[in-house]
Amino acid sequence: MQIIYTPGGDVVAVMKAKEAVLTEAALARYVAESPDSNLAVRMLRDVANANEQAEQRAEEAAEAAAVNSI
């Protein structure tokens, strides 16, 4: 994982796909054990959304590559 500090003062974590999946699984387990943790619930939602968007982009790229190879 790489941590990037933006000029606006935000922090961005860049992960490999395997790291993102492990992070989502760990957060899901934590939320299951601590459902009252609002921060963990929000983090899980954000990580899950990011993973879904990355998966969708990968599928779209694969479909475009398949169409272009015909």
PDB file of N, CA and C in Angstrom:
ATOM      1  N   MET A   1       0.849  -1.166   0.000  1.00  0.00           N
ATOM      2  CA  MET A   1       0.000   0.000   0.000  1.00  0.00           C
ATOM      3  C   MET A   1       0.896   1.230   0.000  1.00  0.00           C
ATOM      4  N   GLN A   2       0.467   2.224  -0.757  1.00  0.00           N
ATOM      5  CA  GLN A   2       1.161   3.501  -0.785  1.00  0.00           C
ATOM      6  C   GLN A   2       0.240   4.569  -0.207  1.00  0.00           C
ATOM      7  N   ILE A   3       0.800   5.453   0.567  1.00  0.00           N
ATOM      8  CA  ILE A   3       0.060   6.569   1.140  1.00  0.00           C
ATOM      9  C   ILE A   3       0.473   7.843   0.402  1.00  0.00           C
ATOM     10  N   ILE A   4      -0.526   8.582  -0.070  1.00  0.00           N
ATOM     11  CA  ILE A   4      -0.262   9.821  -0.805  1.00  0.00           C
ATOM     12  C   ILE A   4      -0.921  10.973  -0.052  1.00  0.00           C
ATOM     13  N   TYR A   5      -0.149  12.025   0.166  1.00  0.00           N
ATOM     14  CA  TYR A   5      -0.665  13.227   0.813  1.00  0.00           C
ATOM     15  C   TYR A   5      -0.932  14.269  -0.270  1.00  0.00           C
ATOM     16  N   THR A   6      -2.168  14.709  -0.370  1.00  0.00           N
ATOM     17  CA  THR A   6      -2.538  15.674  -1.402  1.00  0.00           C
ATOM     18  C   THR A   6      -2.215  17.085  -0.949  1.00  0.00           C
ATOM     19  N   PRO A   7      -2.084  18.013  -1.895  1.00  0.00           N
ATOM     20  CA  PRO A   7      -1.826  19.406  -1.525  1.00  0.00           C
ATOM     21  C   PRO A   7      -2.921  19.993  -0.639  1.00  0.00           C
ATOM     22  N   GLY A   8      -4.149  19.462  -0.748  1.00  0.00           N
ATOM     23  CA  GLY A   8      -5.254  19.962   0.057  1.00  0.00           C
ATOM     24  C   GLY A   8      -5.267  19.423   1.476  1.00  0.00           C
ATOM     25  N   GLY A   9      -4.290  18.564   1.797  1.00  0.00           N
ATOM     26  CA  GLY A   9      -4.206  18.025   3.148  1.00  0.00           C
ATOM     27  C   GLY A   9      -4.892  16.686   3.338  1.00  0.00           C
ATOM     28  N   ASP A  10      -5.457  16.129   2.263  1.00  0.00           N
ATOM     29  CA  ASP A  10      -6.089  14.812   2.363  1.00  0.00           C
ATOM     30  C   ASP A  10      -5.031  13.716   2.257  1.00  0.00           C
ATOM     31  N   VAL A  11      -5.416  12.526   2.679  1.00  0.00           N
ATOM     32  CA  VAL A  11      -4.545  11.376   2.588  1.00  0.00           C
ATOM     33  C   VAL A  11      -5.257  10.310   1.756  1.00  0.00           C
ATOM     34  N   VAL A  12      -4.532   9.726   0.799  1.00  0.00           N
ATOM     35  CA  VAL A  12      -5.090   8.704  -0.082  1.00  0.00           C
ATOM     36  C   VAL A  12      -4.244   7.450   0.048  1.00  0.00           C
ATOM     37  N   ALA A  13      -4.910   6.307   0.228  1.00  0.00           N
ATOM     38  CA  ALA A  13      -4.206   5.029   0.263  1.00  0.00           C
ATOM     39  C   ALA A  13      -4.413   4.325  -1.067  1.00  0.00           C
ATOM     40  N   VAL A  14      -3.330   3.910  -1.686  1.00  0.00           N
ATOM     41  CA  VAL A  14      -3.387   3.181  -2.955  1.00  0.00           C
ATOM     42  C   VAL A  14      -2.953   1.751  -2.663  1.00  0.00           C
ATOM     43  N   MET A  15      -3.827   0.792  -3.010  1.00  0.00           N
ATOM     44  CA  MET A  15      -3.561  -0.608  -2.686  1.00  0.00           C
ATOM     45  C   MET A  15      -3.628  -1.487  -3.922  1.00  0.00           C
ATOM     46  N   LYS A  16      -2.935  -2.600  -3.835  1.00  0.00           N
ATOM     47  CA  LYS A  16      -3.099  -3.645  -4.834  1.00  0.00           C
ATOM     48  C   LYS A  16      -4.455  -4.296  -4.588  1.00  0.00           C
ATOM     49  N   ALA A  17      -4.975  -4.967  -5.609  1.00  0.00           N
ATOM     50  CA  ALA A  17      -6.304  -5.591  -5.495  1.00  0.00           C
ATOM     51  C   ALA A  17      -6.366  -6.558  -4.314  1.00  0.00           C
ATOM     52  N   LYS A  18      -5.328  -7.348  -4.119  1.00  0.00           N
ATOM     53  CA  LYS A  18      -5.314  -8.316  -3.019  1.00  0.00           C
ATOM     54  C   LYS A  18      -5.392  -7.608  -1.665  1.00  0.00           C
ATOM     55  N   GLU A  19      -4.677  -6.501  -1.537  1.00  0.00           N
ATOM     56  CA  GLU A  19      -4.709  -5.744  -0.291  1.00  0.00           C
ATOM     57  C   GLU A  19      -6.095  -5.152  -0.043  1.00  0.00           C
ATOM     58  N   ALA A  20      -6.726  -4.671  -1.099  1.00  0.00           N
ATOM     59  CA  ALA A  20      -8.062  -4.079  -0.956  1.00  0.00           C
ATOM     60  C   ALA A  20      -9.079  -5.127  -0.515  1.00  0.00           C
ATOM     61  N   VAL A  21      -8.989  -6.320  -1.079  1.00  0.00           N
ATOM     62  CA  VAL A  21      -9.912  -7.392  -0.699  1.00  0.00           C
ATOM     63  C   VAL A  21      -9.691  -7.792   0.752  1.00  0.00           C
ATOM     64  N   LEU A  22      -8.437  -7.890   1.162  1.00  0.00           N
ATOM     65  CA  LEU A  22      -8.147  -8.234   2.564  1.00  0.00           C
ATOM     66  C   LEU A  22      -8.629  -7.143   3.512  1.00  0.00           C
ATOM     67  N   THR A  23      -8.476  -5.890   3.109  1.00  0.00           N
ATOM     68  CA  THR A  23      -8.952  -4.779   3.932  1.00  0.00           C
ATOM     69  C   THR A  23     -10.467  -4.838   4.084  1.00  0.00           C
ATOM     70  N   GLU A  24     -11.160  -5.112   2.976  1.00  0.00           N
ATOM     71  CA  GLU A  24     -12.621  -5.211   3.042  1.00  0.00           C
ATOM     72  C   GLU A  24     -13.052  -6.364   3.940  1.00  0.00           C
ATOM     73  N   ALA A  25     -12.376  -7.499   3.835  1.00  0.00           N
ATOM     74  CA  ALA A  25     -12.724  -8.658   4.673  1.00  0.00           C
ATOM     75  C   ALA A  25     -12.481  -8.357   6.153  1.00  0.00           C
ATOM     76  N   ALA A  26     -11.372  -7.703   6.448  1.00  0.00           N
ATOM     77  CA  ALA A  26     -11.068  -7.368   7.842  1.00  0.00           C
ATOM     78  C   ALA A  26     -12.088  -6.382   8.403  1.00  0.00           C
ATOM     79  N   LEU A  27     -12.459  -5.389   7.614  1.00  0.00           N
ATOM     80  CA  LEU A  27     -13.466  -4.426   8.063  1.00  0.00           C
ATOM     81  C   LEU A  27     -14.824  -5.094   8.244  1.00  0.00           C
ATOM     82  N   ALA A  28     -15.180  -6.006   7.341  1.00  0.00           N
ATOM     83  CA  ALA A  28     -16.459  -6.711   7.460  1.00  0.00           C
ATOM     84  C   ALA A  28     -16.508  -7.514   8.754  1.00  0.00           C
ATOM     85  N   ARG A  29     -15.412  -8.160   9.078  1.00  0.00           N
ATOM     86  CA  ARG A  29     -15.375  -8.934  10.331  1.00  0.00           C
ATOM     87  C   ARG A  29     -15.484  -8.001  11.539  1.00  0.00           C
ATOM     88  N   TYR A  30     -14.750  -6.890  11.495  1.00  0.00           N
ATOM     89  CA  TYR A  30     -14.808  -5.952  12.614  1.00  0.00           C
ATOM     90  C   TYR A  30     -16.215  -5.394  12.783  1.00  0.00           C
ATOM     91  N   VAL A  31     -16.863  -5.030  11.666  1.00  0.00           N
ATOM     92  CA  VAL A  31     -18.213  -4.483  11.741  1.00  0.00           C
ATOM     93  C   VAL A  31     -19.182  -5.533  12.279  1.00  0.00           C
ATOM     94  N   ALA A  32     -18.990  -6.794  11.887  1.00  0.00           N
ATOM     95  CA  ALA A  32     -19.858  -7.858  12.392  1.00  0.00           C
ATOM     96  C   ALA A  32     -19.726  -7.997  13.904  1.00  0.00           C
ATOM     97  N   GLU A  33     -18.523  -7.803  14.407  1.00  0.00           N
ATOM     98  CA  GLU A  33     -18.279  -7.913  15.847  1.00  0.00           C
ATOM     99  C   GLU A  33     -18.603  -6.629  16.602  1.00  0.00           C
ATOM    100  N   SER A  34     -18.546  -5.487  15.918  1.00  0.00           N
ATOM    101  CA  SER A  34     -18.778  -4.178  16.549  1.00  0.00           C
ATOM    102  C   SER A  34     -19.709  -3.339  15.675  1.00  0.00           C
ATOM    103  N   PRO A  35     -20.970  -3.741  15.546  1.00  0.00           N
ATOM    104  CA  PRO A  35     -21.875  -3.033  14.631  1.00  0.00           C
ATOM    105  C   PRO A  35     -22.172  -1.590  15.043  1.00  0.00           C
ATOM    106  N   ASP A  36     -21.850  -1.212  16.255  1.00  0.00           N
ATOM    107  CA  ASP A  36     -22.105   0.152  16.707  1.00  0.00           C
ATOM    108  C   ASP A  36     -20.982   1.121  16.342  1.00  0.00           C
ATOM    109  N   SER A  37     -19.936   0.612  15.709  1.00  0.00           N
ATOM    110  CA  SER A  37     -18.814   1.461  15.326  1.00  0.00           C
ATOM    111  C   SER A  37     -19.150   2.174  14.014  1.00  0.00           C
ATOM    112  N   ASN A  38     -19.635   3.402  14.125  1.00  0.00           N
ATOM    113  CA  ASN A  38     -20.034   4.161  12.932  1.00  0.00           C
ATOM    114  C   ASN A  38     -18.870   4.366  11.970  1.00  0.00           C
ATOM    115  N   LEU A  39     -17.679   4.609  12.513  1.00  0.00           N
ATOM    116  CA  LEU A  39     -16.522   4.822  11.657  1.00  0.00           C
ATOM    117  C   LEU A  39     -16.214   3.567  10.850  1.00  0.00           C
ATOM    118  N   ALA A  40     -16.219   2.418  11.492  1.00  0.00           N
ATOM    119  CA  ALA A  40     -15.930   1.164  10.791  1.00  0.00           C
ATOM    120  C   ALA A  40     -16.989   0.870   9.731  1.00  0.00           C
ATOM    121  N   VAL A  41     -18.236   1.149  10.045  1.00  0.00           N
ATOM    122  CA  VAL A  41     -19.322   0.915   9.079  1.00  0.00           C
ATOM    123  C   VAL A  41     -19.125   1.807   7.859  1.00  0.00           C
ATOM    124  N   ARG A  42     -18.794   3.076   8.075  1.00  0.00           N
ATOM    125  CA  ARG A  42     -18.561   3.994   6.953  1.00  0.00           C
ATOM    126  C   ARG A  42     -17.337   3.577   6.144  1.00  0.00           C
ATOM    127  N   MET A  43     -16.279   3.161   6.843  1.00  0.00           N
ATOM    128  CA  MET A  43     -15.069   2.722   6.142  1.00  0.00           C
ATOM    129  C   MET A  43     -15.362   1.486   5.290  1.00  0.00           C
ATOM    130  N   LEU A  44     -16.116   0.538   5.847  1.00  0.00           N
ATOM    131  CA  LEU A  44     -16.462  -0.665   5.091  1.00  0.00           C
ATOM    132  C   LEU A  44     -17.267  -0.300   3.852  1.00  0.00           C
ATOM    133  N   ARG A  45     -18.229   0.591   4.003  1.00  0.00           N
ATOM    134  CA  ARG A  45     -19.037   1.023   2.856  1.00  0.00           C
ATOM    135  C   ARG A  45     -18.154   1.642   1.777  1.00  0.00           C
ATOM    136  N   ASP A  46     -17.233   2.512   2.186  1.00  0.00           N
ATOM    137  CA  ASP A  46     -16.360   3.180   1.220  1.00  0.00           C
ATOM    138  C   ASP A  46     -15.422   2.198   0.526  1.00  0.00           C
ATOM    139  N   VAL A  47     -14.849   1.276   1.279  1.00  0.00           N
ATOM    140  CA  VAL A  47     -13.939   0.290   0.694  1.00  0.00           C
ATOM    141  C   VAL A  47     -14.707  -0.629  -0.256  1.00  0.00           C
ATOM    142  N   ALA A  48     -15.889  -1.065   0.160  1.00  0.00           N
ATOM    143  CA  ALA A  48     -16.693  -1.951  -0.691  1.00  0.00           C
ATOM    144  C   ALA A  48     -17.086  -1.233  -1.985  1.00  0.00           C
ATOM    145  N   ASN A  49     -17.465   0.033  -1.891  1.00  0.00           N
ATOM    146  CA  ASN A  49     -17.813   0.807  -3.092  1.00  0.00           C
ATOM    147  C   ASN A  49     -16.614   0.954  -4.017  1.00  0.00           C
ATOM    148  N   ALA A  50     -15.450   1.245  -3.449  1.00  0.00           N
ATOM    149  CA  ALA A  50     -14.240   1.392  -4.262  1.00  0.00           C
ATOM    150  C   ALA A  50     -13.896   0.077  -4.955  1.00  0.00           C
ATOM    151  N   ASN A  51     -14.019  -1.032  -4.231  1.00  0.00           N
ATOM    152  CA  ASN A  51     -13.731  -2.340  -4.828  1.00  0.00           C
ATOM    153  C   ASN A  51     -14.712  -2.653  -5.954  1.00  0.00           C
ATOM    154  N   GLU A  52     -15.986  -2.343  -5.758  1.00  0.00           N
ATOM    155  CA  GLU A  52     -16.990  -2.588  -6.791  1.00  0.00           C
ATOM    156  C   GLU A  52     -16.718  -1.741  -8.033  1.00  0.00           C
ATOM    157  N   GLN A  53     -16.332  -0.490  -7.843  1.00  0.00           N
ATOM    158  CA  GLN A  53     -16.027   0.382  -8.981  1.00  0.00           C
ATOM    159  C   GLN A  53     -14.798  -0.127  -9.738  1.00  0.00           C
ATOM    160  N   ALA A  54     -13.786  -0.568  -9.016  1.00  0.00           N
ATOM    161  CA  ALA A  54     -12.585  -1.100  -9.665  1.00  0.00           C
ATOM    162  C   ALA A  54     -12.917  -2.360 -10.447  1.00  0.00           C
ATOM    163  N   GLU A  55     -13.751  -3.217  -9.883  1.00  0.00           N
ATOM    164  CA  GLU A  55     -14.149  -4.441 -10.573  1.00  0.00           C
ATOM    165  C   GLU A  55     -14.937  -4.109 -11.841  1.00  0.00           C
ATOM    166  N   GLN A  56     -15.828  -3.133 -11.756  1.00  0.00           N
ATOM    167  CA  GLN A  56     -16.618  -2.735 -12.916  1.00  0.00           C
ATOM    168  C   GLN A  56     -15.718  -2.185 -14.019  1.00  0.00           C
ATOM    169  N   ARG A  57     -14.744  -1.344 -13.652  1.00  0.00           N
ATOM    170  CA  ARG A  57     -13.825  -0.804 -14.655  1.00  0.00           C
ATOM    171  C   ARG A  57     -13.007  -1.915 -15.308  1.00  0.00           C
ATOM    172  N   ALA A  58     -12.577  -2.912 -14.514  1.00  0.00           N
ATOM    173  CA  ALA A  58     -11.807  -4.030 -15.059  1.00  0.00           C
ATOM    174  C   ALA A  58     -12.656  -4.838 -16.038  1.00  0.00           C
ATOM    175  N   GLU A  59     -13.927  -5.071 -15.691  1.00  0.00           N
ATOM    176  CA  GLU A  59     -14.819  -5.808 -16.588  1.00  0.00           C
ATOM    177  C   GLU A  59     -15.053  -5.038 -17.883  1.00  0.00           C
ATOM    178  N   GLU A  60     -15.254  -3.729 -17.776  1.00  0.00           N
ATOM    179  CA  GLU A  60     -15.468  -2.910 -18.966  1.00  0.00           C
ATOM    180  C   GLU A  60     -14.229  -2.914 -19.857  1.00  0.00           C
ATOM    181  N   ALA A  61     -13.050  -2.860 -19.239  1.00  0.00           N
ATOM    182  CA  ALA A  61     -11.810  -2.886 -20.021  1.00  0.00           C
ATOM    183  C   ALA A  61     -11.645  -4.235 -20.714  1.00  0.00           C
ATOM    184  N   ALA A  62     -11.994  -5.323 -20.022  1.00  0.00           N
ATOM    185  CA  ALA A  62     -11.889  -6.645 -20.623  1.00  0.00           C
ATOM    186  C   ALA A  62     -12.866  -6.792 -21.783  1.00  0.00           C
ATOM    187  N   GLU A  63     -14.073  -6.266 -21.628  1.00  0.00           N
ATOM    188  CA  GLU A  63     -15.059  -6.330 -22.718  1.00  0.00           C
ATOM    189  C   GLU A  63     -14.595  -5.507 -23.921  1.00  0.00           C
ATOM    190  N   ALA A  64     -14.043  -4.336 -23.650  1.00  0.00           N
ATOM    191  CA  ALA A  64     -13.555  -3.486 -24.743  1.00  0.00           C
ATOM    192  C   ALA A  64     -12.396  -4.161 -25.460  1.00  0.00           C
ATOM    193  N   ALA A  65     -11.526  -4.805 -24.718  1.00  0.00           N
ATOM    194  CA  ALA A  65     -10.390  -5.506 -25.337  1.00  0.00           C
ATOM    195  C   ALA A  65     -10.887  -6.680 -26.179  1.00  0.00           C
ATOM    196  N   ALA A  66     -11.913  -7.369 -25.717  1.00  0.00           N
ATOM    197  CA  ALA A  66     -12.469  -8.510 -26.470  1.00  0.00           C
ATOM    198  C   ALA A  66     -13.098  -8.025 -27.769  1.00  0.00           C
ATOM    199  N   VAL A  67     -13.805  -6.901 -27.717  1.00  0.00           N
ATOM    200  CA  VAL A  67     -14.443  -6.343 -28.912  1.00  0.00           C
ATOM    201  C   VAL A  67     -13.383  -5.883 -29.903  1.00  0.00           C
ATOM    202  N   ASN A  68     -12.322  -5.268 -29.405  1.00  0.00           N
ATOM    203  CA  ASN A  68     -11.272  -4.751 -30.292  1.00  0.00           C
ATOM    204  C   ASN A  68     -10.439  -5.857 -30.905  1.00  0.00           C
ATOM    205  N   SER A  69     -10.420  -7.039 -30.314  1.00  0.00           N
ATOM    206  CA  SER A  69      -9.607  -8.119 -30.842  1.00  0.00           C
ATOM    207  C   SER A  69     -10.341  -8.916 -31.925  1.00  0.00           C
ATOM    208  N   ILE A  70     -11.620  -8.619 -32.120  1.00  0.00           N
ATOM    209  CA  ILE A  70     -12.402  -9.338 -33.132  1.00  0.00           C
ATOM    210  C   ILE A  70     -12.169  -8.766 -34.504  1.00  0.00           C
TER     211      ILE A  70
END
